[in-house]
Protein backbone atom coordinates (compact mmCIF):
# COMPACT_ATOMS: atom_id res chain seq x y z
CA UNK A 1 -52.97 -72.12 -191.65
CA UNK A 2 -49.52 -69.77 -191.07
CA UNK A 3 -46.31 -70.31 -192.92
CA UNK A 4 -43.21 -68.33 -191.47
CA UNK A 5 -39.48 -68.26 -193.14
CA UNK A 6 -36.62 -66.98 -191.33
CA UNK A 7 -33.36 -64.75 -192.96
CA UNK A 8 -31.17 -62.93 -191.55
CA UNK A 9 -28.71 -65.42 -190.05
CA UNK A 10 -25.07 -65.53 -190.54
CA UNK A 11 -21.46 -65.53 -188.33
CA UNK A 12 -20.86 -61.71 -186.15
CA UNK A 13 -17.56 -61.14 -184.53
CA UNK A 14 -18.63 -60.99 -179.83
CA UNK A 15 -19.97 -57.11 -179.52
CA UNK A 16 -21.45 -56.86 -183.40
CA UNK A 17 -25.04 -56.22 -184.30
CA UNK A 18 -27.63 -58.67 -186.44
CA UNK A 19 -30.76 -58.91 -187.97
CA UNK A 20 -33.19 -61.74 -188.33
CA UNK A 21 -36.28 -61.57 -190.02
CA UNK A 22 -39.33 -63.98 -190.72
CA UNK A 23 -41.69 -63.92 -193.46
CA UNK A 24 -45.20 -65.32 -192.84
CA UNK A 25 -47.73 -66.38 -194.95
CA UNK A 26 -51.23 -66.06 -194.48
CA UNK A 27 -54.52 -64.17 -194.21
CA UNK A 28 -54.91 -63.87 -190.06
CA UNK A 29 -50.73 -62.89 -189.30
CA UNK A 30 -52.29 -59.67 -188.06
CA UNK A 31 -54.44 -62.03 -185.31
CA UNK A 32 -51.35 -63.83 -184.51
CA UNK A 33 -48.95 -63.18 -181.28
CA UNK A 34 -45.20 -63.36 -182.95
CA UNK A 35 -41.92 -65.14 -181.75
CA UNK A 36 -38.33 -66.20 -181.68
CA UNK A 37 -36.75 -69.21 -179.75
CA UNK A 38 -33.46 -70.53 -179.81
CA UNK A 39 -31.99 -73.76 -180.50
CA UNK A 40 -27.84 -74.52 -178.97
CA UNK A 41 -26.47 -78.12 -179.89
CA UNK A 42 -27.48 -79.86 -177.13
CA UNK A 43 -29.59 -77.98 -175.52
CA UNK A 44 -33.53 -77.56 -175.73
CA UNK A 45 -35.24 -74.75 -177.28
CA UNK A 46 -35.33 -71.96 -175.65
CA UNK A 47 -37.46 -68.74 -175.47
CA UNK A 48 -35.92 -65.28 -176.82
CA UNK A 49 -39.41 -63.09 -177.25
CA UNK A 50 -42.83 -62.53 -178.52
CA UNK A 51 -44.90 -59.48 -179.22
CA UNK A 52 -48.58 -59.25 -179.05
CA UNK A 53 -50.48 -58.85 -182.89
CA UNK A 54 -51.61 -55.32 -182.15
CA UNK A 55 -47.56 -54.47 -181.51
CA UNK A 56 -48.44 -53.35 -178.23
CA UNK A 57 -46.36 -55.79 -175.51
CA UNK A 58 -43.20 -57.42 -175.98
CA UNK A 59 -42.31 -60.40 -173.43
CA UNK A 60 -38.03 -60.90 -173.68
CA UNK A 61 -36.22 -63.41 -171.65
CA UNK A 62 -33.50 -62.30 -169.06
CA UNK A 63 -31.02 -63.25 -171.45
CA UNK A 64 -31.92 -60.88 -174.05
CA UNK A 65 -33.43 -58.27 -171.85
CA UNK A 66 -32.12 -54.67 -172.99
CA UNK A 67 -29.64 -56.49 -176.39
CA UNK A 68 -32.15 -57.78 -178.40
CA UNK A 69 -35.74 -55.32 -179.91
CA UNK A 70 -38.85 -57.78 -181.39
CA UNK A 71 -40.58 -55.97 -183.61
CA UNK A 72 -43.61 -56.01 -186.16
CA UNK A 73 -44.30 -54.90 -189.09
CA UNK A 74 -48.05 -56.17 -189.89
CA UNK A 75 -48.60 -54.57 -194.10
CA UNK A 76 -45.06 -56.39 -194.75
CA UNK A 77 -46.71 -59.13 -192.80
CA UNK A 78 -42.49 -59.63 -191.05
CA UNK A 79 -41.56 -60.24 -188.03
CA UNK A 80 -38.12 -58.83 -186.48
CA UNK A 81 -35.22 -59.76 -184.77
CA UNK A 82 -32.53 -56.67 -184.33
CA UNK A 83 -29.63 -57.98 -182.67
CA UNK A 84 -26.69 -56.22 -180.15
CA UNK A 85 -24.34 -56.63 -178.54
CA UNK A 86 -24.00 -60.01 -179.01
CA UNK A 87 -22.48 -62.90 -177.65
CA UNK A 88 -20.75 -66.35 -178.10
CA UNK A 89 -23.36 -67.86 -176.11
CA UNK A 90 -25.94 -66.34 -178.29
CA UNK A 91 -24.28 -68.64 -180.96
CA UNK A 92 -28.25 -71.15 -182.05
CA UNK A 93 -30.35 -71.81 -184.19
CA UNK A 94 -33.03 -69.16 -184.22
CA UNK A 95 -36.47 -70.64 -184.51
CA UNK A 96 -39.97 -67.76 -185.48
CA UNK A 97 -42.53 -69.68 -184.17
CA UNK A 98 -47.00 -67.84 -183.88
CA UNK A 99 -50.08 -68.43 -182.37
CA UNK A 100 -53.28 -67.28 -181.40
CA UNK A 101 -52.68 -66.74 -178.64
CA UNK A 102 -50.00 -64.12 -176.50
CA UNK A 103 -48.67 -64.21 -172.73
CA UNK A 104 -47.01 -67.11 -170.61
CA UNK A 105 -47.71 -69.72 -173.29
CA UNK A 106 -45.21 -68.57 -174.72
CA UNK A 107 -42.45 -69.70 -172.40
CA UNK A 108 -42.55 -72.81 -173.78
CA UNK A 109 -42.23 -74.12 -177.09
CA UNK A 110 -44.51 -76.86 -177.00
CA UNK A 111 -47.05 -74.96 -176.04
CA UNK A 112 -46.87 -72.67 -179.98
CA UNK A 113 -48.33 -73.75 -183.42
CA UNK A 114 -46.38 -72.99 -185.99
CA UNK A 115 -43.02 -73.03 -186.20
CA UNK A 116 -40.17 -71.65 -189.20
CA UNK A 117 -36.88 -74.08 -189.98
CA UNK A 118 -34.73 -71.80 -188.39
CA UNK A 119 -32.07 -69.26 -189.28
CA UNK A 120 -28.39 -69.79 -187.69
CA UNK A 121 -26.70 -67.29 -186.29
CA UNK A 122 -22.68 -67.94 -185.12
CA UNK A 123 -21.27 -65.16 -182.72
CA UNK A 124 -17.00 -65.78 -182.71
CA UNK A 125 -14.81 -64.40 -179.97
């Protein structure tokens, strides 16, 4: 069992930066792939980024590539999402996810095992 708690959301102006954190509990954290999704009002939850258990591989959605960076610290059982050059269209609730598998399964929210409750990010223009 893995429990996930997001933090670091807030209000930022366009062009600014935020860093989201996701603290995980559970002894198997270091063997799980971790990632982030987001959901804007009235829209479906969409993939943002994922990282393999050994930090060797990462995936990014085209919309955030070059602006967002995912990382993890297995000793602290925490995964991060550094968001730079934020745009108003990045406004959404951001959800942390965990799954034993890493790969194309991460493009589909329904295929992942564990979820946090979300952190709200608002980017003003």
